[in-house]
Amino acid sequence: MTGALGAALAAAIPATRARADSVEPRPEGYIIPGDRAFPTGMAYDRRTGYFYAGSAEDGTLYRGHLGRPSAEVWSPKDTDGRTVTSGVTLDQQGRLYIAGANTHTMRVYDSRTRRLLATLKGADGGFLNEIAIADDGLVYATDSYVPVIYRVSREGARWRIERWLDIRDSPIDWMDGVVNLNGILATGRHLLTVNSSTGQLWRIDRHTRQAVEVGLGGHLLRNGDGMALRGNRFHVVQGSLYEGARPQVTVLTMARDLSQGRYSARYDPPGGFLHPSAIALTTRHALVVNSQYNRWREGLPPVTPFTISTVPLSSAQPPG
């Protein structure tokens, strides 16, 4: 960003952010259009008040705004060959990262122009799932079926995806044929990632690539998916793929070094969630995507309309 245009955009950002923060999320939540949307992922832009989600059914991308009751189609299905989505993340430059699930593909878009910036390929047979962006701009992504964590970097217009961590060379437990690493979050020098099948939470040092299990006092995060961190409160979405699983957002109070976490609260609103998969935090609320991915995977008819729940952060309940 250079010249007069860059200066103008930089000057506009504080005002845009102020306008976005002044909009309170709608208490009744938001509608994702379509009879078979099955929304996944969640990226929220604090500067503008816009949020983004994708479709597990056909790869459609949606954009909504905190002040509007319904999202709209931002990029139709099959655009740029996109047929399915999983994780959705936005960086500070307004670049939108879209994981492509079992197409083992990541696409990067300019959220202002909708222009495709890059198409990146992961391992054959993989399931490129969730994406995290670190403060230094490096991007990390989980593969739920291939034992690897990817790292994405950029030099000028050139993008690169690499197999950054071989899980089999780490202490992270891995089971073939099931969903393994899912949600991932970057904070400082560390990554936090959850194994959906075992419920274990792992801390990975981005400089040394050393992984250690986070002590949770015996608590497990089975079906763990999307994540958000504010202060020492770590929010983990738990879905309902497995029988008897309770869909909720679990809140862990984390130690400063992220080596330990205590299950301290949960969000389980009246009416509950419909297999939640992703979360984003506004000033006073959590936006939680009701993906209904369990119904999609089992071929069951969905509950319509598809929605994103709005949960006041003040409504946390004790562990249960």
C-alpha atoms as a PDB file:
ATOM      1  CA  MET A   1       0.000   0.000   0.000  1.00  0.00           C
ATOM      2  CA  THR A   2       1.772   3.136  -1.199  1.00  0.00           C
ATOM      3  CA  GLY A   3       1.137   6.676  -2.347  1.00  0.00           C
ATOM      4  CA  ALA A   4      -1.983   8.780  -1.926  1.00  0.00           C
ATOM      5  CA  LEU A   5      -4.325   5.794  -2.201  1.00  0.00           C
ATOM      6  CA  GLY A   6      -2.540   3.971   0.632  1.00  0.00           C
ATOM      7  CA  ALA A   7      -2.654   7.057   2.836  1.00  0.00           C
ATOM      8  CA  ALA A   8      -6.342   7.546   2.130  1.00  0.00           C
ATOM      9  CA  LEU A   9      -7.151   3.946   2.967  1.00  0.00           C
ATOM     10  CA  ALA A  10      -5.083   4.048   6.152  1.00  0.00           C
ATOM     11  CA  ALA A  11      -6.832   7.204   7.252  1.00  0.00           C
ATOM     12  CA  ALA A  12     -10.238   5.642   6.588  1.00  0.00           C
ATOM     13  CA  ILE A  13      -9.659   2.525   8.691  1.00  0.00           C
ATOM     14  CA  PRO A  14     -10.153   4.106  12.171  1.00  0.00           C
ATOM     15  CA  ALA A  15     -13.474   5.661  11.135  1.00  0.00           C
ATOM     16  CA  THR A  16     -14.627   2.402   9.572  1.00  0.00           C
ATOM     17  CA  ARG A  17     -13.708   0.485  12.698  1.00  0.00           C
ATOM     18  CA  ALA A  18     -15.573   2.969  14.874  1.00  0.00           C
ATOM     19  CA  ARG A  19     -18.716   2.566  12.798  1.00  0.00           C
ATOM     20  CA  ALA A  20     -18.467  -1.248  12.931  1.00  0.00           C
ATOM     21  CA  ASP A  21     -17.954  -1.336  16.691  1.00  0.00           C
ATOM     22  CA  SER A  22     -20.951   0.928  17.225  1.00  0.00           C
ATOM     23  CA  VAL A  23     -23.289  -1.646  15.623  1.00  0.00           C
ATOM     24  CA  GLU A  24     -24.673  -4.150  18.121  1.00  0.00           C
ATOM     25  CA  PRO A  25     -25.251  -7.668  16.739  1.00  0.00           C
ATOM     26  CA  ARG A  26     -28.867  -8.624  16.266  1.00  0.00           C
ATOM     27  CA  PRO A  27     -30.074 -10.664  19.274  1.00  0.00           C
ATOM     28  CA  GLU A  28     -32.057 -13.006  17.033  1.00  0.00           C
ATOM     29  CA  GLY A  29     -28.978 -13.851  14.967  1.00  0.00           C
ATOM     30  CA  TYR A  30     -28.551 -13.985  11.212  1.00  0.00           C
ATOM     31  CA  ILE A  31     -29.985 -16.038   8.355  1.00  0.00           C
ATOM     32  CA  ILE A  32     -27.803 -17.747   5.763  1.00  0.00           C
ATOM     33  CA  PRO A  33     -29.846 -18.043   2.547  1.00  0.00           C
ATOM     34  CA  GLY A  34     -30.479 -21.303   0.750  1.00  0.00           C
ATOM     35  CA  ASP A  35     -32.254 -24.579   1.459  1.00  0.00           C
ATOM     36  CA  ARG A  36     -28.968 -26.514   1.554  1.00  0.00           C
ATOM     37  CA  ALA A  37     -26.375 -23.948   2.605  1.00  0.00           C
ATOM     38  CA  PHE A  38     -24.786 -25.957   5.467  1.00  0.00           C
ATOM     39  CA  PRO A  39     -22.557 -22.990   6.406  1.00  0.00           C
ATOM     40  CA  THR A  40     -19.009 -23.550   7.638  1.00  0.00           C
ATOM     41  CA  GLY A  41     -16.259 -21.299   8.860  1.00  0.00           C
ATOM     42  CA  MET A  42     -16.508 -17.767  10.207  1.00  0.00           C
ATOM     43  CA  ALA A  43     -14.423 -14.696   9.503  1.00  0.00           C
ATOM     44  CA  TYR A  44     -15.364 -11.362  11.078  1.00  0.00           C
ATOM     45  CA  ASP A  45     -13.939  -8.001   9.974  1.00  0.00           C
ATOM     46  CA  ARG A  46     -13.929  -5.612  12.937  1.00  0.00           C
ATOM     47  CA  ARG A  47     -13.127  -2.688  10.635  1.00  0.00           C
ATOM     48  CA  THR A  48     -16.304  -2.995   8.604  1.00  0.00           C
ATOM     49  CA  GLY A  49     -18.780  -5.126  10.568  1.00  0.00           C
ATOM     50  CA  TYR A  50     -18.924  -7.701   7.775  1.00  0.00           C
ATOM     51  CA  PHE A  51     -18.669 -11.445   8.395  1.00  0.00           C
ATOM     52  CA  TYR A  52     -18.051 -14.274   5.950  1.00  0.00           C
ATOM     53  CA  ALA A  53     -19.033 -17.947   5.832  1.00  0.00           C
ATOM     54  CA  GLY A  54     -18.873 -20.721   3.256  1.00  0.00           C
ATOM     55  CA  SER A  55     -20.979 -23.715   2.248  1.00  0.00           C
ATOM     56  CA  ALA A  56     -20.060 -27.346   2.829  1.00  0.00           C
ATOM     57  CA  GLU A  57     -22.704 -28.288   0.273  1.00  0.00           C
ATOM     58  CA  ASP A  58     -21.455 -26.468  -2.827  1.00  0.00           C
ATOM     59  CA  GLY A  59     -18.709 -23.935  -2.020  1.00  0.00           C
ATOM     60  CA  THR A  60     -20.862 -20.809  -2.071  1.00  0.00           C
ATOM     61  CA  LEU A  61     -19.394 -17.917  -0.067  1.00  0.00           C
ATOM     62  CA  TYR A  62     -21.680 -15.663   1.954  1.00  0.00           C
ATOM     63  CA  ARG A  63     -21.194 -12.192   3.401  1.00  0.00           C
ATOM     64  CA  GLY A  64     -23.328 -10.610   6.096  1.00  0.00           C
ATOM     65  CA  HIS A  65     -23.227  -7.477   8.201  1.00  0.00           C
ATOM     66  CA  LEU A  66     -23.911  -7.050  11.905  1.00  0.00           C
ATOM     67  CA  GLY A  67     -26.673  -4.560  11.163  1.00  0.00           C
ATOM     68  CA  ARG A  68     -28.587  -6.684   8.629  1.00  0.00           C
ATOM     69  CA  PRO A  69     -30.819  -9.698   9.322  1.00  0.00           C
ATOM     70  CA  SER A  70     -29.611 -11.908   6.468  1.00  0.00           C
ATOM     71  CA  ALA A  71     -26.347 -12.655   4.739  1.00  0.00           C
ATOM     72  CA  GLU A  72     -26.106 -12.647   0.944  1.00  0.00           C
ATOM     73  CA  VAL A  73     -24.218 -14.640  -1.643  1.00  0.00           C
ATOM     74  CA  TRP A  74     -20.803 -13.020  -1.993  1.00  0.00           C
ATOM     75  CA  SER A  75     -19.357 -15.551  -4.452  1.00  0.00           C
ATOM     76  CA  PRO A  76     -21.543 -18.206  -6.123  1.00  0.00           C
ATOM     77  CA  LYS A  77     -20.811 -21.934  -6.114  1.00  0.00           C
ATOM     78  CA  ASP A  78     -18.293 -23.250  -8.637  1.00  0.00           C
ATOM     79  CA  THR A  79     -16.583 -19.850  -8.872  1.00  0.00           C
ATOM     80  CA  ASP A  80     -12.872 -20.497  -9.462  1.00  0.00           C
ATOM     81  CA  GLY A  81     -13.652 -24.228  -9.268  1.00  0.00           C
ATOM     82  CA  ARG A  82     -14.775 -23.963  -5.628  1.00  0.00           C
ATOM     83  CA  THR A  83     -17.215 -26.767  -4.738  1.00  0.00           C
ATOM     84  CA  VAL A  84     -16.936 -27.083  -0.943  1.00  0.00           C
ATOM     85  CA  THR A  85     -15.630 -25.043   1.984  1.00  0.00           C
ATOM     86  CA  SER A  86     -14.490 -25.698   5.536  1.00  0.00           C
ATOM     87  CA  GLY A  87     -12.487 -23.057   7.451  1.00  0.00           C
ATOM     88  CA  VAL A  88     -12.794 -19.345   6.606  1.00  0.00           C
ATOM     89  CA  THR A  89     -10.331 -16.724   7.909  1.00  0.00           C
ATOM     90  CA  LEU A  90      -9.564 -13.062   7.221  1.00  0.00           C
ATOM     91  CA  ASP A  91      -6.193 -11.355   7.717  1.00  0.00           C
ATOM     92  CA  GLN A  92      -5.464  -7.738   8.621  1.00  0.00           C
ATOM     93  CA  GLN A  93      -4.942  -6.827   4.970  1.00  0.00           C
ATOM     94  CA  GLY A  94      -8.445  -7.958   4.074  1.00  0.00           C
ATOM     95  CA  ARG A  95      -7.390 -11.195   2.421  1.00  0.00           C
ATOM     96  CA  LEU A  96      -9.944 -13.980   2.806  1.00  0.00           C
ATOM     97  CA  TYR A  97      -8.608 -17.543   3.164  1.00  0.00           C
ATOM     98  CA  ILE A  98     -10.986 -20.374   2.241  1.00  0.00           C
ATOM     99  CA  ALA A  99     -10.194 -23.992   3.054  1.00  0.00           C
ATOM    100  CA  GLY A 100     -11.541 -26.548   0.619  1.00  0.00           C
ATOM    101  CA  ALA A 101     -12.070 -29.624   2.826  1.00  0.00           C
ATOM    102  CA  ASN A 102     -11.643 -32.864   0.850  1.00  0.00           C
ATOM    103  CA  THR A 103     -10.553 -31.000  -2.291  1.00  0.00           C
ATOM    104  CA  HIS A 104      -7.343 -30.404  -0.243  1.00  0.00           C
ATOM    105  CA  THR A 105      -7.257 -26.847  -1.586  1.00  0.00           C
ATOM    106  CA  MET A 106      -6.912 -23.366  -0.093  1.00  0.00           C
ATOM    107  CA  ARG A 107      -7.999 -20.269  -1.987  1.00  0.00           C
ATOM    108  CA  VAL A 108      -7.125 -16.698  -1.106  1.00  0.00           C
ATOM    109  CA  TYR A 109      -9.315 -13.744  -2.121  1.00  0.00           C
ATOM    110  CA  ASP A 110      -9.139  -9.987  -1.859  1.00  0.00           C
ATOM    111  CA  SER A 111     -12.283  -9.287   0.194  1.00  0.00           C
ATOM    112  CA  ARG A 112     -12.614  -5.794  -1.302  1.00  0.00           C
ATOM    113  CA  THR A 113     -12.443  -6.743  -4.991  1.00  0.00           C
ATOM    114  CA  ARG A 114     -13.423 -10.467  -4.745  1.00  0.00           C
ATOM    115  CA  ARG A 115     -10.382 -11.228  -6.891  1.00  0.00           C
ATOM    116  CA  LEU A 116      -8.768 -14.649  -6.512  1.00  0.00           C
ATOM    117  CA  LEU A 117      -5.181 -14.120  -5.374  1.00  0.00           C
ATOM    118  CA  ALA A 118      -3.959 -17.695  -5.021  1.00  0.00           C
ATOM    119  CA  THR A 119      -4.972 -21.347  -5.234  1.00  0.00           C
ATOM    120  CA  LEU A 120      -2.851 -23.628  -3.068  1.00  0.00           C
ATOM    121  CA  LYS A 121      -2.840 -27.424  -2.954  1.00  0.00           C
ATOM    122  CA  GLY A 122      -2.352 -29.609   0.102  1.00  0.00           C
ATOM    123  CA  ALA A 123      -1.741 -33.347   0.241  1.00  0.00           C
ATOM    124  CA  ASP A 124      -3.703 -35.733  -1.973  1.00  0.00           C
ATOM    125  CA  GLY A 125      -6.364 -37.536   0.026  1.00  0.00           C
ATOM    126  CA  GLY A 126      -6.344 -34.858   2.684  1.00  0.00           C
ATOM    127  CA  PHE A 127      -9.036 -32.695   4.238  1.00  0.00           C
ATOM    128  CA  LEU A 128      -7.778 -29.129   4.530  1.00  0.00           C
ATOM    129  CA  ASN A 129      -9.890 -27.945   7.429  1.00  0.00           C
ATOM    130  CA  GLU A 130      -9.201 -24.874   9.594  1.00  0.00           C
ATOM    131  CA  ILE A 131      -6.887 -21.890   9.146  1.00  0.00           C
ATOM    132  CA  ALA A 132      -5.066 -19.599  11.602  1.00  0.00           C
ATOM    133  CA  ILE A 133      -3.191 -16.370  10.889  1.00  0.00           C
ATOM    134  CA  ALA A 134      -0.267 -15.367  13.089  1.00  0.00           C
ATOM    135  CA  ASP A 135       0.770 -11.813  13.961  1.00  0.00           C
ATOM    136  CA  ASP A 136       3.714 -12.029  11.560  1.00  0.00           C
ATOM    137  CA  GLY A 137       1.394 -12.829   8.645  1.00  0.00           C
ATOM    138  CA  LEU A 138       2.262 -16.509   8.365  1.00  0.00           C
ATOM    139  CA  VAL A 139      -0.752 -18.771   7.877  1.00  0.00           C
ATOM    140  CA  TYR A 140      -1.218 -22.253   9.334  1.00  0.00           C
ATOM    141  CA  ALA A 141      -3.819 -24.875   8.444  1.00  0.00           C
ATOM    142  CA  THR A 142      -4.839 -28.288   9.708  1.00  0.00           C
ATOM    143  CA  ASP A 143      -5.410 -31.389   7.634  1.00  0.00           C
ATOM    144  CA  SER A 144      -7.865 -33.679   9.377  1.00  0.00           C
ATOM    145  CA  TYR A 145      -6.996 -36.842   7.438  1.00  0.00           C
ATOM    146  CA  VAL A 146      -3.319 -36.437   6.586  1.00  0.00           C
ATOM    147  CA  PRO A 147      -0.889 -36.054   9.541  1.00  0.00           C
ATOM    148  CA  VAL A 148       0.451 -32.627   8.675  1.00  0.00           C
ATOM    149  CA  ILE A 149       0.077 -28.964   9.540  1.00  0.00           C
ATOM    150  CA  TYR A 150       0.602 -26.651   6.588  1.00  0.00           C
ATOM    151  CA  ARG A 151       2.221 -23.233   6.576  1.00  0.00           C
ATOM    152  CA  VAL A 152       1.434 -20.628   3.948  1.00  0.00           C
ATOM    153  CA  SER A 153       3.738 -17.705   3.206  1.00  0.00           C
ATOM    154  CA  ARG A 154       3.891 -14.967   0.606  1.00  0.00           C
ATOM    155  CA  GLU A 155       6.681 -13.057  -1.087  1.00  0.00           C
ATOM    156  CA  GLY A 156       5.319 -10.338  -3.340  1.00  0.00           C
ATOM    157  CA  ALA A 157       2.787 -11.997  -5.636  1.00  0.00           C
ATOM    158  CA  ARG A 158       4.200 -15.465  -5.013  1.00  0.00           C
ATOM    159  CA  TRP A 159       2.404 -17.758  -2.566  1.00  0.00           C
ATOM    160  CA  ARG A 160       3.796 -20.941  -1.083  1.00  0.00           C
ATOM    161  CA  ILE A 161       2.231 -23.800   0.926  1.00  0.00           C
ATOM    162  CA  GLU A 162       4.524 -26.242   2.709  1.00  0.00           C
ATOM    163  CA  ARG A 163       4.150 -29.275   4.944  1.00  0.00           C
ATOM    164  CA  TRP A 164       5.411 -27.433   7.996  1.00  0.00           C
ATOM    165  CA  LEU A 165       4.925 -30.090  10.690  1.00  0.00           C
ATOM    166  CA  ASP A 166       4.800 -33.861  10.242  1.00  0.00           C
ATOM    167  CA  ILE A 167       2.451 -34.965  13.025  1.00  0.00           C
ATOM    168  CA  ARG A 168       4.010 -38.436  13.145  1.00  0.00           C
ATOM    169  CA  ASP A 169       7.298 -36.815  14.217  1.00  0.00           C
ATOM    170  CA  SER A 170       5.521 -35.130  17.136  1.00  0.00           C
ATOM    171  CA  PRO A 171       3.847 -36.404  20.329  1.00  0.00           C
ATOM    172  CA  ILE A 172       0.404 -35.520  18.934  1.00  0.00           C
ATOM    173  CA  ASP A 173      -1.839 -38.591  18.895  1.00  0.00           C
ATOM    174  CA  TRP A 174      -3.099 -39.533  15.433  1.00  0.00           C
ATOM    175  CA  MET A 175      -5.703 -42.096  14.386  1.00  0.00           C
ATOM    176  CA  ASP A 176      -6.111 -43.045  10.748  1.00  0.00           C
ATOM    177  CA  GLY A 177      -9.577 -42.906   9.218  1.00  0.00           C
ATOM    178  CA  VAL A 178     -11.157 -40.386  11.612  1.00  0.00           C
ATOM    179  CA  VAL A 179     -11.215 -36.598  11.980  1.00  0.00           C
ATOM    180  CA  ASN A 180      -8.013 -35.637  13.767  1.00  0.00           C
ATOM    181  CA  LEU A 181      -6.701 -32.070  14.002  1.00  0.00           C
ATOM    182  CA  ASN A 182      -9.476 -29.577  13.399  1.00  0.00           C
ATOM    183  CA  GLY A 183      -9.635 -26.101  14.927  1.00  0.00           C
ATOM    184  CA  ILE A 184      -6.418 -24.078  15.060  1.00  0.00           C
ATOM    185  CA  LEU A 185      -5.518 -20.677  16.475  1.00  0.00           C
ATOM    186  CA  ALA A 186      -2.304 -18.639  16.486  1.00  0.00           C
ATOM    187  CA  THR A 187      -1.353 -16.469  19.456  1.00  0.00           C
ATOM    188  CA  GLY A 188       2.123 -15.037  19.852  1.00  0.00           C
ATOM    189  CA  ARG A 189       4.748 -17.724  19.262  1.00  0.00           C
ATOM    190  CA  HIS A 190       2.264 -20.569  19.725  1.00  0.00           C
ATOM    191  CA  LEU A 191      -0.438 -22.464  17.897  1.00  0.00           C
ATOM    192  CA  LEU A 192      -3.313 -24.147  19.701  1.00  0.00           C
ATOM    193  CA  THR A 193      -5.039 -27.013  17.909  1.00  0.00           C
ATOM    194  CA  VAL A 194      -7.590 -29.621  18.943  1.00  0.00           C
ATOM    195  CA  ASN A 195      -7.972 -33.251  17.931  1.00  0.00           C
ATOM    196  CA  SER A 196     -11.709 -33.693  17.412  1.00  0.00           C
ATOM    197  CA  SER A 197     -11.655 -37.449  17.967  1.00  0.00           C
ATOM    198  CA  THR A 198      -9.502 -37.664  21.102  1.00  0.00           C
ATOM    199  CA  GLY A 199     -10.528 -34.297  22.577  1.00  0.00           C
ATOM    200  CA  GLN A 200      -6.889 -33.399  23.304  1.00  0.00           C
ATOM    201  CA  LEU A 201      -5.685 -29.816  23.014  1.00  0.00           C
ATOM    202  CA  TRP A 202      -2.115 -29.215  21.826  1.00  0.00           C
ATOM    203  CA  ARG A 203       0.234 -26.243  22.066  1.00  0.00           C
ATOM    204  CA  ILE A 204       2.842 -25.979  19.295  1.00  0.00           C
ATOM    205  CA  ASP A 205       5.786 -23.594  19.376  1.00  0.00           C
ATOM    206  CA  ARG A 206       5.980 -21.875  15.973  1.00  0.00           C
ATOM    207  CA  HIS A 207       9.748 -21.350  16.315  1.00  0.00           C
ATOM    208  CA  THR A 208      10.847 -24.803  17.481  1.00  0.00           C
ATOM    209  CA  ARG A 209       7.853 -26.855  16.221  1.00  0.00           C
ATOM    210  CA  GLN A 210       7.721 -28.583  19.597  1.00  0.00           C
ATOM    211  CA  ALA A 211       4.235 -29.816  20.575  1.00  0.00           C
ATOM    212  CA  VAL A 212       2.996 -30.428  24.119  1.00  0.00           C
ATOM    213  CA  GLU A 213      -0.434 -31.474  25.313  1.00  0.00           C
ATOM    214  CA  VAL A 214      -2.269 -28.733  27.181  1.00  0.00           C
ATOM    215  CA  GLY A 215      -3.310 -29.935  30.623  1.00  0.00           C
ATOM    216  CA  LEU A 216      -7.084 -29.656  31.001  1.00  0.00           C
ATOM    217  CA  GLY A 217      -7.498 -31.457  34.308  1.00  0.00           C
ATOM    218  CA  GLY A 218      -9.023 -34.493  32.626  1.00  0.00           C
ATOM    219  CA  HIS A 219     -11.516 -32.492  30.544  1.00  0.00           C
ATOM    220  CA  LEU A 220     -11.719 -33.432  26.862  1.00  0.00           C
ATOM    221  CA  LEU A 221     -12.778 -31.311  23.884  1.00  0.00           C
ATOM    222  CA  ARG A 222     -14.291 -34.016  21.672  1.00  0.00           C
ATOM    223  CA  ASN A 223     -15.818 -32.585  18.487  1.00  0.00           C
ATOM    224  CA  GLY A 224     -13.655 -29.496  19.031  1.00  0.00           C
ATOM    225  CA  ASP A 225     -13.774 -27.175  16.028  1.00  0.00           C
ATOM    226  CA  GLY A 226     -13.626 -23.373  15.709  1.00  0.00           C
ATOM    227  CA  MET A 227     -11.697 -21.318  18.289  1.00  0.00           C
ATOM    228  CA  ALA A 228     -11.428 -17.770  19.594  1.00  0.00           C
ATOM    229  CA  LEU A 229      -9.201 -16.251  22.281  1.00  0.00           C
ATOM    230  CA  ARG A 230      -9.758 -13.053  24.251  1.00  0.00           C
ATOM    231  CA  GLY A 231      -7.411 -12.378  27.111  1.00  0.00           C
ATOM    232  CA  ASN A 232      -7.062 -15.662  28.980  1.00  0.00           C
ATOM    233  CA  ARG A 233     -10.525 -16.908  27.962  1.00  0.00           C
ATOM    234  CA  PHE A 234     -10.237 -19.512  25.235  1.00  0.00           C
ATOM    235  CA  HIS A 235     -13.481 -20.382  23.420  1.00  0.00           C
ATOM    236  CA  VAL A 236     -13.779 -23.761  21.689  1.00  0.00           C
ATOM    237  CA  VAL A 237     -16.821 -24.762  19.644  1.00  0.00           C
ATOM    238  CA  GLN A 238     -17.888 -28.368  20.178  1.00  0.00           C
ATOM    239  CA  GLY A 239     -20.249 -29.961  17.688  1.00  0.00           C
ATOM    240  CA  SER A 240     -22.383 -33.085  17.826  1.00  0.00           C
ATOM    241  CA  LEU A 241     -20.974 -35.582  15.337  1.00  0.00           C
ATOM    242  CA  TYR A 242     -20.710 -38.348  17.921  1.00  0.00           C
ATOM    243  CA  GLU A 243     -23.622 -39.902  19.756  1.00  0.00           C
ATOM    244  CA  GLY A 244     -24.329 -38.268  23.085  1.00  0.00           C
ATOM    245  CA  ALA A 245     -22.151 -35.236  22.360  1.00  0.00           C
ATOM    246  CA  ARG A 246     -23.479 -31.940  23.645  1.00  0.00           C
ATOM    247  CA  PRO A 247     -23.147 -29.035  21.208  1.00  0.00           C
ATOM    248  CA  GLN A 248     -21.844 -25.989  23.034  1.00  0.00           C
ATOM    249  CA  VAL A 249     -19.104 -23.391  23.210  1.00  0.00           C
ATOM    250  CA  THR A 250     -16.657 -24.325  25.962  1.00  0.00           C
ATOM    251  CA  VAL A 251     -14.654 -21.618  27.718  1.00  0.00           C
ATOM    252  CA  LEU A 252     -11.247 -22.473  29.170  1.00  0.00           C
ATOM    253  CA  THR A 253      -9.339 -20.144  31.467  1.00  0.00           C
ATOM    254  CA  MET A 254      -5.779 -20.463  30.207  1.00  0.00           C
ATOM    255  CA  ALA A 255      -2.442 -20.160  31.968  1.00  0.00           C
ATOM    256  CA  ARG A 256      -0.204 -17.373  30.707  1.00  0.00           C
ATOM    257  CA  ASP A 257       2.054 -19.847  28.886  1.00  0.00           C
ATOM    258  CA  LEU A 258      -0.932 -21.827  27.512  1.00  0.00           C
ATOM    259  CA  SER A 259       0.354 -25.022  29.108  1.00  0.00           C
ATOM    260  CA  GLN A 260      -2.789 -25.458  31.230  1.00  0.00           C
ATOM    261  CA  GLY A 261      -6.473 -24.700  30.851  1.00  0.00           C
ATOM    262  CA  ARG A 262      -9.397 -24.913  33.256  1.00  0.00           C
ATOM    263  CA  TYR A 263     -12.941 -25.580  32.056  1.00  0.00           C
ATOM    264  CA  SER A 264     -14.629 -22.540  33.573  1.00  0.00           C
ATOM    265  CA  ALA A 265     -17.791 -21.753  31.585  1.00  0.00           C
ATOM    266  CA  ARG A 266     -19.938 -22.713  28.624  1.00  0.00           C
ATOM    267  CA  TYR A 267     -22.427 -21.185  26.222  1.00  0.00           C
ATOM    268  CA  ASP A 268     -25.549 -23.225  25.535  1.00  0.00           C
ATOM    269  CA  PRO A 269     -28.343 -20.774  24.647  1.00  0.00           C
ATOM    270  CA  PRO A 270     -32.090 -21.452  24.840  1.00  0.00           C
ATOM    271  CA  GLY A 271     -32.976 -23.707  21.909  1.00  0.00           C
ATOM    272  CA  GLY A 272     -29.359 -24.832  21.707  1.00  0.00           C
ATOM    273  CA  PHE A 273     -26.998 -24.931  18.750  1.00  0.00           C
ATOM    274  CA  LEU A 274     -27.342 -27.013  15.576  1.00  0.00           C
ATOM    275  CA  HIS A 275     -23.904 -28.615  15.300  1.00  0.00           C
ATOM    276  CA  PRO A 276     -21.918 -25.391  15.773  1.00  0.00           C
ATOM    277  CA  SER A 277     -18.689 -25.264  13.817  1.00  0.00           C
ATOM    278  CA  ALA A 278     -17.159 -21.799  14.029  1.00  0.00           C
ATOM    279  CA  ILE A 279     -17.036 -18.734  16.251  1.00  0.00           C
ATOM    280  CA  ALA A 280     -16.072 -15.071  16.060  1.00  0.00           C
ATOM    281  CA  LEU A 281     -16.101 -12.539  18.889  1.00  0.00           C
ATOM    282  CA  THR A 282     -17.481  -9.028  18.596  1.00  0.00           C
ATOM    283  CA  THR A 283     -17.198  -6.497  21.391  1.00  0.00           C
ATOM    284  CA  ARG A 284     -19.926  -8.049  23.566  1.00  0.00           C
ATOM    285  CA  HIS A 285     -21.139 -11.121  21.670  1.00  0.00           C
ATOM    286  CA  ALA A 286     -20.094 -14.397  20.105  1.00  0.00           C
ATOM    287  CA  LEU A 287     -21.242 -15.218  16.580  1.00  0.00           C
ATOM    288  CA  VAL A 288     -21.639 -18.996  16.319  1.00  0.00           C
ATOM    289  CA  VAL A 289     -22.242 -20.801  13.022  1.00  0.00           C
ATOM    290  CA  ASN A 290     -24.963 -23.476  13.125  1.00  0.00           C
ATOM    291  CA  SER A 291     -23.487 -25.632  10.395  1.00  0.00           C
ATOM    292  CA  GLN A 292     -25.745 -28.699  10.753  1.00  0.00           C
ATOM    293  CA  TYR A 293     -22.728 -30.554   9.372  1.00  0.00           C
ATOM    294  CA  ASN A 294     -23.835 -33.712  11.184  1.00  0.00           C
ATOM    295  CA  ARG A 295     -27.077 -33.726   9.208  1.00  0.00           C
ATOM    296  CA  TRP A 296     -25.223 -32.999   5.982  1.00  0.00           C
ATOM    297  CA  ARG A 297     -22.815 -35.889   6.554  1.00  0.00           C
ATOM    298  CA  GLU A 298     -25.643 -38.303   7.383  1.00  0.00           C
ATOM    299  CA  GLY A 299     -27.846 -37.200   4.465  1.00  0.00           C
ATOM    300  CA  LEU A 300     -30.620 -35.915   6.733  1.00  0.00           C
ATOM    301  CA  PRO A 301     -32.875 -32.985   5.802  1.00  0.00           C
ATOM    302  CA  PRO A 302     -31.706 -29.726   7.358  1.00  0.00           C
ATOM    303  CA  VAL A 303     -33.537 -27.429   9.734  1.00  0.00           C
ATOM    304  CA  THR A 304     -34.186 -24.239   7.792  1.00  0.00           C
ATOM    305  CA  PRO A 305     -33.407 -21.447   7.670  1.00  0.00           C
ATOM    306  CA  PHE A 306     -29.722 -21.879   8.335  1.00  0.00           C
ATOM    307  CA  THR A 307     -28.527 -19.455  10.974  1.00  0.00           C
ATOM    308  CA  ILE A 308     -25.674 -17.839  12.824  1.00  0.00           C
ATOM    309  CA  SER A 309     -26.475 -17.491  16.516  1.00  0.00           C
ATOM    310  CA  THR A 310     -25.735 -14.333  18.498  1.00  0.00           C
ATOM    311  CA  VAL A 311     -24.725 -15.147  22.068  1.00  0.00           C
ATOM    312  CA  PRO A 312     -24.041 -12.386  24.645  1.00  0.00           C
ATOM    313  CA  LEU A 313     -20.671 -12.964  26.265  1.00  0.00           C
ATOM    314  CA  SER A 314     -22.312 -12.058  29.560  1.00  0.00           C
ATOM    315  CA  SER A 315     -24.578 -15.129  29.302  1.00  0.00           C
ATOM    316  CA  ALA A 316     -21.879 -17.687  30.140  1.00  0.00           C
ATOM    317  CA  GLN A 317     -23.097 -20.595  32.261  1.00  0.00           C
ATOM    318  CA  PRO A 318     -21.135 -22.679  34.771  1.00  0.00           C
ATOM    319  CA  PRO A 319     -19.501 -25.895  33.512  1.00  0.00           C
ATOM    320  CA  GLY A 320     -21.987 -28.691  32.963  1.00  0.00           C
END
